[in-house]
């Protein structure tokens, strides 16, 4: 593992973007892709503002204007996040230079995006971090959710490597959007604590601290403070599978495992038998589970509840990863859970079933 880490860190010398970047840039985005049909309309969409620009295909080409900070954008046939399937043409990161996109619509892997140093940078970073993510996925997939101390130890080891790699990258890019954007996404997946993220943010140039992604880091720090261990769990209300509203605060006086999952999540489904066993053991001892699903298909969600024998409260607004409760609790990966005490305070963040059983044995004597 140490040799692997040193190899990864040695590659960062090619990623250092020390040039100060302007906060706002006006650039042209030219698209010439085989398979575009004349007279079709395409939109340039941002992550939060849709329809930044639009263009009709002429002679197999479309041209957009983008004015703003470097950001993640997509081109699609619908005025939303870029659509899915054939609606989405391509997604990429803008920078302060004009961008040209070429390729074949029938083969997205053939797309070439030139002119965005930020895009090139993240492509290279992904090549470094992907082996780390693959290792983590291997551990999770091969885990049967028994002997969780061993599983947690291995996952913690992988997480430590990832944290070191991302920290080195960010500190090598304190003068560029590459660094501030990565700090934001690293904060989303909880690679850094709130204090660590605040310390890193202060090291960036003032202009970057006050950029869109600098402000987003500050907002995340504030929201994560509300869901850390020791804080009162944010209250919420969401409909169960029968359409009836369920409110978290109604369960005060019980220990509550607030569990986030989905029918399409393999690790979540693999964990369900352990949760069923745990629930049957403690359901009559001031303990409850509340599951919040990030499903979008009601029938699939209901089938999972039935097939897996989930008899505790099941909630969902069927908004997928934009589920309002998941957003409130900053959930960006599942399975994830919080253990909440009888007073409504968060006392555990992501605890495995075996560990939870031991803890409840002590708490509910």
Protein backbone atom coordinates (compact mmCIF):
# COMPACT_ATOMS: atom_id res chain seq x y z
CA UNK A 1 0.00 0.00 0.00
CA UNK A 2 2.83 2.43 0.79
CA UNK A 3 4.50 1.76 -2.57
CA UNK A 4 1.18 2.36 -4.31
CA UNK A 5 0.74 5.63 -2.43
CA UNK A 6 4.22 6.88 -3.34
CA UNK A 7 3.55 6.09 -6.99
CA UNK A 8 0.34 8.09 -6.91
CA UNK A 9 1.92 11.06 -5.20
CA UNK A 10 4.80 11.13 -7.68
CA UNK A 11 2.34 11.74 -10.49
CA UNK A 12 1.09 15.02 -9.05
CA UNK A 13 3.99 16.97 -10.50
CA UNK A 14 2.14 17.04 -13.82
CA UNK A 15 -1.04 18.48 -12.33
CA UNK A 16 0.12 21.62 -10.59
CA UNK A 17 -1.92 24.55 -11.96
CA UNK A 18 -0.24 27.50 -10.30
CA UNK A 19 -1.46 30.22 -12.67
CA UNK A 20 -4.01 32.54 -11.08
CA UNK A 21 -7.38 32.04 -12.79
CA UNK A 22 -9.85 34.81 -13.42
CA UNK A 23 -13.12 34.39 -11.62
CA UNK A 24 -15.30 35.12 -14.65
CA UNK A 25 -14.51 34.19 -18.25
CA UNK A 26 -16.43 34.48 -21.52
CA UNK A 27 -15.69 31.58 -23.84
CA UNK A 28 -16.95 29.96 -27.04
CA UNK A 29 -17.83 26.25 -27.14
CA UNK A 30 -17.76 24.78 -30.65
CA UNK A 31 -19.17 21.30 -31.31
CA UNK A 32 -18.58 19.31 -34.48
CA UNK A 33 -19.78 15.75 -33.97
CA UNK A 34 -20.68 13.14 -36.55
CA UNK A 35 -24.33 12.14 -36.27
CA UNK A 36 -25.80 15.52 -35.36
CA UNK A 37 -28.95 16.20 -37.38
CA UNK A 38 -29.46 19.62 -38.92
CA UNK A 39 -32.27 21.66 -37.34
CA UNK A 40 -32.15 19.73 -34.03
CA UNK A 41 -31.96 22.02 -31.00
CA UNK A 42 -29.42 21.55 -28.21
CA UNK A 43 -29.02 23.26 -24.85
CA UNK A 44 -26.00 24.14 -22.76
CA UNK A 45 -26.89 23.30 -19.15
CA UNK A 46 -25.11 23.99 -15.89
CA UNK A 47 -25.29 22.01 -12.62
CA UNK A 48 -27.88 24.39 -11.16
CA UNK A 49 -28.86 26.79 -13.98
CA UNK A 50 -30.43 25.12 -17.00
CA UNK A 51 -30.58 26.52 -20.50
CA UNK A 52 -27.47 28.70 -20.25
CA UNK A 53 -27.54 28.85 -24.04
CA UNK A 54 -29.19 27.05 -26.94
CA UNK A 55 -28.33 26.42 -30.58
CA UNK A 56 -29.81 24.83 -33.70
CA UNK A 57 -27.60 22.33 -35.53
CA UNK A 58 -26.37 23.69 -38.85
CA UNK A 59 -24.06 21.75 -41.15
CA UNK A 60 -23.45 19.25 -38.34
CA UNK A 61 -22.20 21.94 -35.95
CA UNK A 62 -23.46 23.78 -32.86
CA UNK A 63 -21.91 26.78 -31.13
CA UNK A 64 -22.47 28.07 -27.61
CA UNK A 65 -21.36 31.03 -25.55
CA UNK A 66 -20.57 30.57 -21.86
CA UNK A 67 -19.87 33.35 -19.40
CA UNK A 68 -19.04 32.56 -15.80
CA UNK A 69 -16.66 30.78 -13.48
CA UNK A 70 -15.13 27.46 -14.52
CA UNK A 71 -17.86 24.90 -13.92
CA UNK A 72 -19.33 21.55 -14.88
CA UNK A 73 -21.68 21.78 -17.87
CA UNK A 74 -23.46 19.44 -20.25
CA UNK A 75 -24.94 19.63 -23.73
CA UNK A 76 -28.26 17.89 -24.30
CA UNK A 77 -31.50 18.00 -26.26
CA UNK A 78 -33.53 18.90 -23.19
CA UNK A 79 -33.45 22.04 -21.08
CA UNK A 80 -32.58 20.29 -17.85
CA UNK A 81 -29.49 18.60 -16.42
CA UNK A 82 -28.61 17.28 -19.86
CA UNK A 83 -31.15 14.50 -20.07
CA UNK A 84 -30.42 10.80 -20.13
CA UNK A 85 -29.63 8.35 -22.90
CA UNK A 86 -29.84 9.97 -26.32
CA UNK A 87 -30.83 13.31 -24.77
CA UNK A 88 -27.35 13.79 -23.29
CA UNK A 89 -24.62 14.53 -25.82
CA UNK A 90 -21.58 15.28 -23.66
CA UNK A 91 -20.57 16.61 -20.25
CA UNK A 92 -17.32 18.40 -19.32
CA UNK A 93 -15.71 21.21 -17.29
CA UNK A 94 -15.27 24.69 -18.72
CA UNK A 95 -12.19 26.82 -18.14
CA UNK A 96 -11.07 30.28 -19.26
CA UNK A 97 -10.21 29.29 -22.84
CA UNK A 98 -12.45 28.49 -25.82
CA UNK A 99 -13.40 24.81 -26.07
CA UNK A 100 -13.75 22.57 -29.12
CA UNK A 101 -15.54 19.23 -29.04
CA UNK A 102 -15.26 16.66 -31.84
CA UNK A 103 -16.19 13.01 -32.24
CA UNK A 104 -19.00 10.66 -33.20
CA UNK A 105 -22.45 10.75 -31.56
CA UNK A 106 -22.68 6.97 -31.85
CA UNK A 107 -19.47 6.50 -29.84
CA UNK A 108 -19.20 8.83 -26.87
CA UNK A 109 -15.81 7.46 -25.95
CA UNK A 110 -14.52 8.96 -29.20
CA UNK A 111 -15.34 12.49 -28.03
CA UNK A 112 -12.36 14.82 -27.86
CA UNK A 113 -12.60 17.93 -25.67
CA UNK A 114 -9.80 20.42 -26.16
CA UNK A 115 -9.15 23.85 -24.67
CA UNK A 116 -10.11 23.14 -21.03
CA UNK A 117 -7.08 22.61 -18.83
CA UNK A 118 -9.46 21.96 -15.94
CA UNK A 119 -11.12 19.09 -17.81
CA UNK A 120 -7.73 17.60 -18.73
CA UNK A 121 -6.67 17.92 -15.13
CA UNK A 122 -9.65 16.03 -13.75
CA UNK A 123 -9.30 13.29 -16.38
CA UNK A 124 -5.74 12.69 -15.18
CA UNK A 125 -6.78 12.87 -11.52
CA UNK A 126 -9.45 10.25 -12.16
CA UNK A 127 -6.80 7.87 -13.53
CA UNK A 128 -5.00 8.17 -10.20
CA UNK A 129 -8.00 7.89 -7.90
CA UNK A 130 -9.89 5.17 -9.79
CA UNK A 131 -7.63 2.32 -8.52
CA UNK A 132 -8.32 3.50 -4.98
CA UNK A 133 -12.08 3.48 -5.59
CA UNK A 134 -11.84 0.06 -7.27
CA UNK A 135 -10.10 -1.30 -4.18
CA UNK A 136 -12.80 0.09 -1.92
CA UNK A 137 -15.54 -1.40 -4.12
CA UNK A 138 -13.79 -4.77 -4.04
CA UNK A 139 -13.80 -4.78 -0.23
CA UNK A 140 -17.48 -3.76 -0.05
CA UNK A 141 -18.65 -6.26 -2.69
CA UNK A 142 -16.75 -9.16 -1.13
CA UNK A 143 -17.95 -8.33 2.37
CA UNK A 144 -20.77 -10.43 3.79
CA UNK A 145 -21.24 -7.84 6.55
CA UNK A 146 -19.78 -10.18 9.14
CA UNK A 147 -16.53 -9.56 11.02
CA UNK A 148 -17.12 -5.86 10.47
CA UNK A 149 -14.09 -4.77 12.49
CA UNK A 150 -11.89 -6.38 9.84
CA UNK A 151 -13.90 -4.85 6.98
CA UNK A 152 -13.84 -1.42 8.60
CA UNK A 153 -10.07 -1.65 9.13
CA UNK A 154 -9.48 -2.37 5.45
CA UNK A 155 -11.85 0.37 4.33
CA UNK A 156 -10.19 2.83 6.71
CA UNK A 157 -6.80 1.92 5.20
CA UNK A 158 -8.07 2.64 1.67
CA UNK A 159 -9.71 5.87 2.85
CA UNK A 160 -6.40 7.01 4.38
CA UNK A 161 -4.63 6.51 1.04
CA UNK A 162 -7.35 8.43 -0.78
CA UNK A 163 -7.22 11.27 1.74
CA UNK A 164 -3.45 11.62 1.41
CA UNK A 165 -3.65 11.66 -2.39
CA UNK A 166 -6.42 14.27 -2.50
CA UNK A 167 -4.76 16.42 0.17
CA UNK A 168 -1.52 16.49 -1.82
CA UNK A 169 -3.42 17.40 -4.98
CA UNK A 170 -5.34 20.22 -3.29
CA UNK A 171 -2.23 21.68 -1.66
CA UNK A 172 -0.52 21.63 -5.06
CA UNK A 173 -3.41 23.63 -6.56
CA UNK A 174 -4.12 26.38 -4.04
CA UNK A 175 -4.05 29.00 -6.82
CA UNK A 176 -6.44 27.25 -9.20
CA UNK A 177 -10.04 26.17 -9.59
CA UNK A 178 -8.84 22.58 -9.78
CA UNK A 179 -7.96 22.70 -6.08
CA UNK A 180 -11.06 24.50 -4.81
CA UNK A 181 -13.42 22.28 -6.84
CA UNK A 182 -11.74 19.13 -5.57
CA UNK A 183 -11.97 20.42 -1.99
CA UNK A 184 -15.73 20.81 -2.52
CA UNK A 185 -16.22 17.28 -3.83
CA UNK A 186 -13.89 15.84 -1.19
CA UNK A 187 -15.99 17.55 1.44
CA UNK A 188 -19.16 16.09 -0.08
CA UNK A 189 -17.92 12.52 0.42
CA UNK A 190 -16.55 13.39 3.88
CA UNK A 191 -12.89 12.82 3.03
CA UNK A 192 -12.10 15.83 5.22
CA UNK A 193 -13.60 16.91 8.50
CA UNK A 194 -15.22 20.30 8.78
CA UNK A 195 -12.17 21.69 10.62
CA UNK A 196 -9.80 20.26 8.00
CA UNK A 197 -11.88 21.71 5.17
CA UNK A 198 -11.97 25.13 6.84
CA UNK A 199 -8.19 25.05 7.29
CA UNK A 200 -7.62 24.13 3.65
CA UNK A 201 -10.05 26.77 2.43
CA UNK A 202 -8.10 29.50 4.25
CA UNK A 203 -4.97 28.54 2.28
CA UNK A 204 -6.55 29.39 -1.09
CA UNK A 205 -6.21 32.75 -2.79
CA UNK A 206 -8.93 35.18 -1.57
CA UNK A 207 -10.50 35.23 -5.03
CA UNK A 208 -10.94 31.45 -4.95
CA UNK A 209 -12.24 31.51 -1.37
CA UNK A 210 -14.96 33.86 -2.63
CA UNK A 211 -15.66 31.87 -5.80
CA UNK A 212 -18.78 29.76 -6.33
CA UNK A 213 -17.04 26.60 -5.11
CA UNK A 214 -15.43 28.43 -2.21
CA UNK A 215 -18.88 29.45 -1.03
CA UNK A 216 -20.18 25.92 -1.58
CA UNK A 217 -17.43 24.56 0.69
CA UNK A 218 -18.49 27.04 3.37
CA UNK A 219 -22.14 25.98 3.01
CA UNK A 220 -21.20 22.31 3.30
CA UNK A 221 -19.16 22.99 6.42
CA UNK A 222 -22.20 24.63 7.98
CA UNK A 223 -24.62 21.84 7.00
CA UNK A 224 -22.25 19.04 8.06
CA UNK A 225 -21.93 20.68 11.46
CA UNK A 226 -25.67 20.03 11.86
CA UNK A 227 -25.38 16.26 11.28
CA UNK A 228 -22.20 15.38 13.14
CA UNK A 229 -22.07 13.19 16.22
CA UNK A 230 -23.30 15.09 19.27
CA UNK A 231 -25.77 17.27 17.37
CA UNK A 232 -29.54 16.97 17.52
CA UNK A 233 -30.74 15.07 14.45
CA UNK A 234 -32.52 17.46 12.04
CA UNK A 235 -36.23 16.73 12.13
CA UNK A 236 -38.14 15.85 8.98
CA UNK A 237 -41.38 14.42 7.68
CA UNK A 238 -41.76 12.13 4.65
CA UNK A 239 -44.42 9.76 3.36
CA UNK A 240 -44.13 6.00 3.90
CA UNK A 241 -44.99 3.30 1.35
CA UNK A 242 -48.67 3.70 2.25
CA UNK A 243 -48.63 7.44 1.59
CA UNK A 244 -48.88 8.37 5.27
CA UNK A 245 -46.51 11.03 6.71
CA UNK A 246 -43.88 9.88 9.19
CA UNK A 247 -41.99 12.39 11.35
CA UNK A 248 -38.64 11.60 12.99
CA UNK A 249 -39.43 13.51 16.19
CA UNK A 250 -42.42 11.21 16.78
CA UNK A 251 -39.92 8.51 17.79
CA UNK A 252 -38.30 10.41 20.66
CA UNK A 253 -37.95 8.07 23.62
CA UNK A 254 -36.49 5.35 21.37
CA UNK A 255 -33.10 4.69 19.86
CA UNK A 256 -33.53 5.16 16.11
CA UNK A 257 -31.36 3.86 13.31
CA UNK A 258 -31.92 6.29 10.42
CA UNK A 259 -30.89 4.23 7.43
CA UNK A 260 -30.41 5.42 3.82
CA UNK A 261 -30.60 2.82 1.06
CA UNK A 262 -32.15 1.94 -2.29
CA UNK A 263 -33.45 -1.07 -4.19
CA UNK A 264 -30.69 -0.67 -6.81
CA UNK A 265 -27.88 -0.58 -4.21
CA UNK A 266 -26.21 -4.01 -4.01
CA UNK A 267 -24.44 -3.43 -0.66
CA UNK A 268 -27.72 -2.12 0.78
CA UNK A 269 -29.59 -5.26 -0.26
CA UNK A 270 -26.79 -7.44 1.10
CA UNK A 271 -27.09 -5.68 4.47
CA UNK A 272 -30.87 -6.03 4.72
CA UNK A 273 -30.90 -9.60 6.18
CA UNK A 274 -28.64 -8.38 8.99
CA UNK A 275 -30.96 -5.45 9.67
CA UNK A 276 -34.00 -7.74 9.71
CA UNK A 277 -32.29 -9.98 12.27
CA UNK A 278 -31.27 -6.99 14.36
CA UNK A 279 -34.74 -5.43 14.20
CA UNK A 280 -36.46 -8.61 15.32
CA UNK A 281 -34.13 -8.78 18.32
CA UNK A 282 -34.58 -5.19 19.53
CA UNK A 283 -37.95 -3.96 18.18
CA UNK A 284 -39.65 -4.44 21.55
CA UNK A 285 -36.86 -2.72 23.50
CA UNK A 286 -37.22 0.99 22.70
CA UNK A 287 -35.55 0.64 19.30
CA UNK A 288 -36.75 1.55 15.81
CA UNK A 289 -35.35 1.66 12.30
CA UNK A 290 -36.45 4.28 9.78
CA UNK A 291 -35.36 3.60 6.22
CA UNK A 292 -35.18 6.40 3.65
CA UNK A 293 -34.94 5.16 0.07
CA UNK A 294 -33.38 7.04 -2.83
CA UNK A 295 -35.51 5.11 -5.32
CA UNK A 296 -37.39 6.73 -8.21
CA UNK A 297 -39.59 3.80 -9.24
CA UNK A 298 -42.40 3.13 -6.79
CA UNK A 299 -43.05 -0.45 -7.91
CA UNK A 300 -39.39 -1.42 -7.64
CA UNK A 301 -39.21 0.17 -4.19
CA UNK A 302 -42.33 -1.68 -2.98
CA UNK A 303 -41.07 -4.98 -4.41
CA UNK A 304 -37.78 -4.61 -2.51
CA UNK A 305 -39.64 -3.92 0.74
CA UNK A 306 -41.68 -7.10 0.24
CA UNK A 307 -38.87 -9.34 -1.07
CA UNK A 308 -36.44 -8.36 1.70
CA UNK A 309 -39.04 -8.53 4.49
CA UNK A 310 -38.55 -4.93 5.65
CA UNK A 311 -41.23 -4.39 8.28
CA UNK A 312 -40.04 -1.13 9.86
CA UNK A 313 -41.05 2.35 8.53
CA UNK A 314 -40.04 2.78 4.88
CA UNK A 315 -39.94 6.35 3.53
CA UNK A 316 -39.29 7.88 0.12
CA UNK A 317 -40.31 10.87 -1.99
CA UNK A 318 -39.14 8.94 -5.11
CA UNK A 319 -36.76 11.74 -6.08
CA UNK A 320 -33.76 9.45 -6.30
CA UNK A 321 -30.51 10.93 -5.05
CA UNK A 322 -32.30 14.26 -4.64
CA UNK A 323 -34.44 12.79 -1.85
CA UNK A 324 -35.15 15.68 0.50
CA UNK A 325 -34.18 13.81 3.66
CA UNK A 326 -30.99 12.48 2.04
CA UNK A 327 -30.15 16.04 1.01
CA UNK A 328 -30.86 17.30 4.54
CA UNK A 329 -28.43 14.71 5.94
CA UNK A 330 -25.80 15.25 3.21
CA UNK A 331 -26.03 11.66 1.95
CA UNK A 332 -23.82 11.17 -1.10
CA UNK A 333 -23.24 7.43 -0.90
CA UNK A 334 -25.30 4.49 0.32
CA UNK A 335 -25.68 2.49 2.46
CA UNK A 336 -25.29 5.09 5.18
CA UNK A 337 -26.90 5.42 8.59
CA UNK A 338 -27.06 7.46 11.78
CA UNK A 339 -27.86 6.13 15.25
CA UNK A 340 -30.00 8.61 17.19
CA UNK A 341 -30.52 8.39 20.96
CA UNK A 342 -33.76 8.71 22.92
CA UNK A 343 -33.39 12.49 23.16
CA UNK A 344 -32.91 12.87 19.40
CA UNK A 345 -29.12 13.30 19.43
CA UNK A 346 -26.83 11.71 16.84
CA UNK A 347 -24.50 9.27 18.62
CA UNK A 348 -23.12 7.21 15.69
CA UNK A 349 -22.40 8.02 12.04
CA UNK A 350 -22.38 4.90 9.82
CA UNK A 351 -22.35 1.90 12.12
CA UNK A 352 -22.36 -1.71 10.88
CA UNK A 353 -25.14 -4.11 12.01
CA UNK A 354 -22.81 -6.28 14.11
CA UNK A 355 -21.38 -3.23 15.87
CA UNK A 356 -24.87 -1.81 16.34
CA UNK A 357 -26.09 -5.05 17.91
CA UNK A 358 -23.27 -4.91 20.47
CA UNK A 359 -23.99 -1.26 21.23
CA UNK A 360 -27.73 -1.84 21.64
CA UNK A 361 -27.02 -4.79 23.97
CA UNK A 362 -25.26 -2.28 26.23
CA UNK A 363 -27.73 0.60 25.80
CA UNK A 364 -30.89 -1.45 26.20
CA UNK A 365 -29.99 -3.68 29.15
